[in-house]
Protein backbone atom coordinates (compact mmCIF):
# COMPACT_ATOMS: atom_id res chain seq x y z
CA MET A 1 -11.69 2.63 -14.39
CA PRO A 2 -10.82 5.61 -12.14
CA SER A 3 -7.37 5.61 -10.63
CA ARG A 4 -7.07 5.69 -6.85
CA SER A 5 -3.92 6.47 -4.93
CA ASN A 6 -4.74 4.24 -1.96
CA GLU A 7 -7.15 1.38 -1.51
CA VAL A 8 -7.98 -0.44 1.68
CA LEU A 9 -9.09 -4.00 1.13
CA MET A 10 -9.96 -6.19 4.08
CA GLY A 11 -10.74 -9.88 4.52
CA LEU A 12 -8.84 -11.01 1.44
CA GLU A 13 -7.71 -14.53 0.73
CA PRO A 14 -4.06 -15.06 -0.31
CA SER A 15 -5.06 -15.72 -3.95
CA ASP A 16 -6.86 -12.35 -4.03
CA ILE A 17 -3.76 -10.61 -2.72
CA GLN A 18 -1.55 -12.19 -5.37
CA GLY A 19 -3.87 -10.92 -8.13
CA ILE A 20 -3.83 -7.39 -6.71
CA ILE A 21 -0.03 -7.41 -6.51
CA ARG A 22 0.36 -8.59 -10.10
CA SER A 23 -2.08 -6.00 -11.49
CA SER A 24 -0.88 -3.03 -9.45
CA ALA A 25 1.37 -0.41 -11.01
CA LYS A 26 2.19 0.92 -7.54
CA PRO A 27 3.79 -0.69 -4.49
CA VAL A 28 1.30 -2.69 -2.45
CA VAL A 29 1.24 -2.37 1.32
CA LEU A 30 -0.04 -5.42 3.16
CA MET A 31 -0.91 -4.86 6.81
CA ILE A 32 -1.24 -8.15 8.65
CA TYR A 33 -2.87 -8.34 12.06
CA SER A 34 -0.64 -10.24 14.45
CA ASP A 35 -3.00 -13.09 15.25
CA ALA A 36 -0.63 -16.06 15.53
CA GLY A 37 -2.77 -18.51 13.53
CA PHE A 38 -3.40 -16.11 10.66
CA GLN A 39 0.20 -14.98 10.64
CA LYS A 40 1.49 -18.55 10.35
CA SER A 41 -0.80 -19.38 7.42
CA PHE A 42 0.09 -16.11 5.69
CA GLU A 43 3.82 -16.74 6.10
CA GLU A 44 3.44 -20.23 4.62
CA TRP A 45 1.80 -18.62 1.59
CA ALA A 46 3.95 -15.49 1.27
CA VAL A 47 7.54 -16.63 1.85
CA PRO A 48 7.91 -18.81 -1.29
CA ARG A 49 6.19 -16.19 -3.44
CA LYS A 50 8.41 -13.45 -2.10
CA ALA A 51 11.50 -15.54 -2.85
CA ALA A 52 10.21 -16.06 -6.41
CA GLY A 53 9.93 -12.29 -6.90
CA VAL A 54 6.13 -12.23 -7.17
CA MET A 55 5.96 -9.86 -4.22
CA LYS A 56 8.87 -7.53 -4.95
CA GLN A 57 6.41 -4.62 -5.15
CA CYS A 58 5.20 -5.25 -1.59
CA VAL A 59 5.98 -4.02 1.85
CA PHE A 60 4.61 -6.11 4.70
CA ILE A 61 3.55 -4.37 7.88
CA LEU A 62 2.61 -6.31 10.98
CA LEU A 63 -0.29 -4.61 12.74
CA ASP A 64 -0.40 -4.97 16.50
CA ILE A 65 -1.65 -3.21 19.62
CA GLU A 66 0.67 -1.51 22.09
CA ASN A 67 1.85 -3.81 24.89
CA SER A 68 0.83 -6.99 23.07
CA GLN A 69 3.39 -9.40 21.70
CA GLY A 70 4.12 -8.76 18.02
CA LEU A 71 6.18 -11.09 15.87
CA PRO A 72 7.96 -8.90 13.30
CA GLY A 73 10.35 -10.61 10.92
CA GLU A 74 10.17 -12.47 7.62
CA PRO A 75 8.20 -11.88 5.54
CA TYR A 76 7.52 -8.53 7.21
CA GLU A 77 11.07 -7.17 6.81
CA GLN A 78 10.95 -5.92 10.41
CA ASN A 79 8.09 -3.55 9.66
CA ASN A 80 5.39 -3.29 12.25
CA VAL A 81 2.77 -0.71 13.08
CA VAL A 82 1.45 -0.55 16.60
CA LEU A 83 -1.84 1.04 17.58
CA VAL A 84 -1.25 3.28 20.58
CA PHE A 85 -4.19 4.22 22.79
CA ARG A 86 -3.81 7.48 24.73
CA ASN A 87 -6.54 9.49 26.42
CA GLY A 88 -9.27 7.84 24.37
CA GLN A 89 -7.51 8.48 21.04
CA ILE A 90 -5.72 6.10 18.68
CA PHE A 91 -2.22 6.89 17.42
CA PHE A 92 0.23 4.90 15.31
CA ARG A 93 3.87 3.93 15.89
CA ALA A 94 6.06 2.23 13.28
CA ASN A 95 8.99 0.03 14.26
CA GLY A 96 9.08 1.39 17.80
CA GLY A 97 9.72 4.94 16.60
CA GLU A 98 7.80 8.19 16.71
CA VAL A 99 4.05 8.22 17.43
CA PHE A 100 1.86 9.71 14.68
CA GLU A 101 -1.76 10.83 14.63
CA LYS A 102 -2.28 9.61 11.04
CA LEU A 103 -1.52 6.19 9.62
CA ASP A 104 -0.25 7.66 6.34
CA SER A 105 2.41 9.65 8.18
CA CYS A 106 3.38 6.56 10.15
CA ILE A 107 3.92 4.25 7.18
CA GLU A 108 5.54 6.79 4.82
CA PRO A 109 9.08 5.99 6.09
CA LEU A 110 8.39 2.27 5.62
CA LEU A 111 7.59 2.87 1.93
CA SER A 112 10.67 4.96 1.14
CA GLY A 113 12.63 1.88 0.06
CA LEU A 114 10.09 1.13 -2.70
CA LYS A 115 10.28 4.56 -4.33
CA SER A 116 12.41 4.94 -7.41
């Protein structure tokens, strides 16, 4: 199977995510849209697994839109990425910091804690 540096997988169920985490040799980034209902169900699934160490290779990022109410915190470790709309373009801001044109540049600082 060819190796890929980054994969974007959408619409996954929690059991799918757990399988990906266990089989991944690299840190897994989970970006969670800040819909309150989805967030609550994900937290109910993720918190006990994170405490058990299943998700030690993960960083959680809460995805939100500028000026809407995000809910960063456990299990997201205060990481959130906000979509910023300016002059018809989309930019990205992590944890209220600098605005970036590319998502990769935005989340790189959030991943630094997972690097050995």
